[in-house]
Amino acid sequence: MGINDVFQALSDPTRREILRILRKRDMTAGDLAERFPLAKSTLSGHFLVLRHAGLIVAEKRGTSIVYSLNVSAVEEAVSGVMETLGVGRKKQGAR
């Protein structure tokens, strides 16, 4: 997971909403699809971007794919964003 992949994944409001939903509980692709007025192929593309960034994990269970939030990857991504922005660093000249 690179920081650019995370930024790309978070740049889309649909992907951010998927992450918000998965923060509450794991869900199947079908359950997630019911929440969005998008074609399943479009949602599959969003899932692919989120998986590539390491923000979600997909697990095949029978005939379904269950998605879950990869909490440790999200924490690492947030840390990377904060580091990129210099949040938490002491300002030069500060004591």
Protein backbone atom coordinates (compact mmCIF):
# COMPACT_ATOMS: atom_id res chain seq x y z
CA MET A 1 0.00 0.00 0.00
CA GLY A 2 1.44 3.31 -1.07
CA ILE A 3 0.26 6.68 0.10
CA ASN A 4 -0.66 7.58 -3.50
CA ASP A 5 -2.93 4.51 -3.65
CA VAL A 6 -4.60 5.61 -0.42
CA PHE A 7 -5.13 9.16 -1.70
CA GLN A 8 -6.59 7.79 -4.94
CA ALA A 9 -8.90 5.47 -3.00
CA LEU A 10 -10.08 8.25 -0.68
CA SER A 11 -10.59 10.74 -3.51
CA ASP A 12 -13.98 9.29 -4.42
CA PRO A 13 -17.08 9.89 -2.25
CA THR A 14 -18.50 6.44 -3.01
CA ARG A 15 -15.33 4.76 -1.77
CA ARG A 16 -15.34 6.90 1.37
CA GLU A 17 -18.95 5.88 2.00
CA ILE A 18 -18.03 2.20 1.54
CA LEU A 19 -15.35 2.62 4.21
CA ARG A 20 -17.84 4.32 6.56
CA ILE A 21 -20.29 1.45 6.11
CA LEU A 22 -17.64 -1.23 6.64
CA ARG A 23 -16.45 0.54 9.78
CA LYS A 24 -19.70 -0.62 11.41
CA ARG A 25 -19.67 -4.23 10.18
CA ASP A 26 -18.48 -6.61 7.48
CA MET A 27 -20.82 -6.88 4.51
CA THR A 28 -21.26 -8.93 1.39
CA ALA A 29 -20.83 -7.33 -2.00
CA GLY A 30 -24.58 -7.77 -2.57
CA ASP A 31 -25.49 -6.03 0.70
CA LEU A 32 -23.21 -3.14 -0.18
CA ALA A 33 -24.62 -2.96 -3.71
CA GLU A 34 -28.12 -2.46 -2.29
CA ARG A 35 -26.96 0.79 -0.69
CA PHE A 36 -25.74 2.42 -3.90
CA PRO A 37 -27.56 3.36 -7.12
CA LEU A 38 -24.67 2.05 -9.19
CA ALA A 39 -24.10 -0.88 -11.51
CA LYS A 40 -22.44 -3.85 -9.83
CA SER A 41 -19.54 -3.54 -12.26
CA THR A 42 -19.00 0.06 -11.12
CA LEU A 43 -19.01 -1.01 -7.48
CA SER A 44 -16.59 -3.83 -8.28
CA GLY A 45 -14.22 -1.19 -9.62
CA HIS A 46 -14.50 0.74 -6.37
CA PHE A 47 -13.83 -2.42 -4.36
CA LEU A 48 -10.76 -3.10 -6.51
CA VAL A 49 -9.32 0.37 -5.83
CA LEU A 50 -9.96 0.01 -2.08
CA ARG A 51 -8.39 -3.47 -2.02
CA HIS A 52 -5.38 -2.27 -4.03
CA ALA A 53 -4.87 0.50 -1.46
CA GLY A 54 -5.11 -2.12 1.30
CA LEU A 55 -8.06 -0.39 2.95
CA ILE A 56 -10.45 -3.33 2.67
CA VAL A 57 -10.13 -7.09 2.66
CA ALA A 58 -12.26 -9.47 0.59
CA GLU A 59 -13.02 -13.01 1.74
CA LYS A 60 -14.91 -15.56 -0.32
CA ARG A 61 -17.57 -17.34 1.73
CA GLY A 62 -19.46 -19.86 -0.33
CA THR A 63 -20.88 -17.96 -3.29
CA SER A 64 -20.51 -14.53 -1.64
CA ILE A 65 -17.63 -12.15 -1.19
CA VAL A 66 -17.54 -10.52 2.24
CA TYR A 67 -15.74 -7.21 2.57
CA SER A 68 -14.26 -5.88 5.79
CA LEU A 69 -12.37 -2.76 6.76
CA ASN A 70 -8.65 -3.34 7.18
CA VAL A 71 -8.36 -1.28 10.35
CA SER A 72 -4.58 -1.54 10.67
CA ALA A 73 -4.14 -0.34 7.07
CA VAL A 74 -6.50 2.57 7.70
CA GLU A 75 -4.53 3.52 10.82
CA GLU A 76 -1.29 3.30 8.84
CA ALA A 77 -2.81 5.41 6.05
CA VAL A 78 -3.95 8.08 8.50
CA SER A 79 -0.49 8.10 10.05
CA GLY A 80 1.05 8.49 6.58
CA VAL A 81 -1.27 11.38 5.74
CA MET A 82 -0.44 13.09 9.02
CA GLU A 83 3.28 12.61 8.37
CA THR A 84 2.91 13.94 4.82
CA LEU A 85 1.18 17.05 6.16
CA GLY A 86 3.63 17.44 9.03
CA VAL A 87 0.93 17.05 11.67
CA GLY A 88 2.35 16.24 15.09
CA ARG A 89 5.87 17.46 14.32
CA LYS A 90 7.36 20.19 16.40
CA LYS A 91 7.75 23.40 14.48
CA GLN A 92 11.31 24.48 13.93
CA GLY A 93 12.34 26.88 16.65
CA ALA A 94 9.71 25.51 19.07
CA ARG A 95 10.92 24.35 22.45
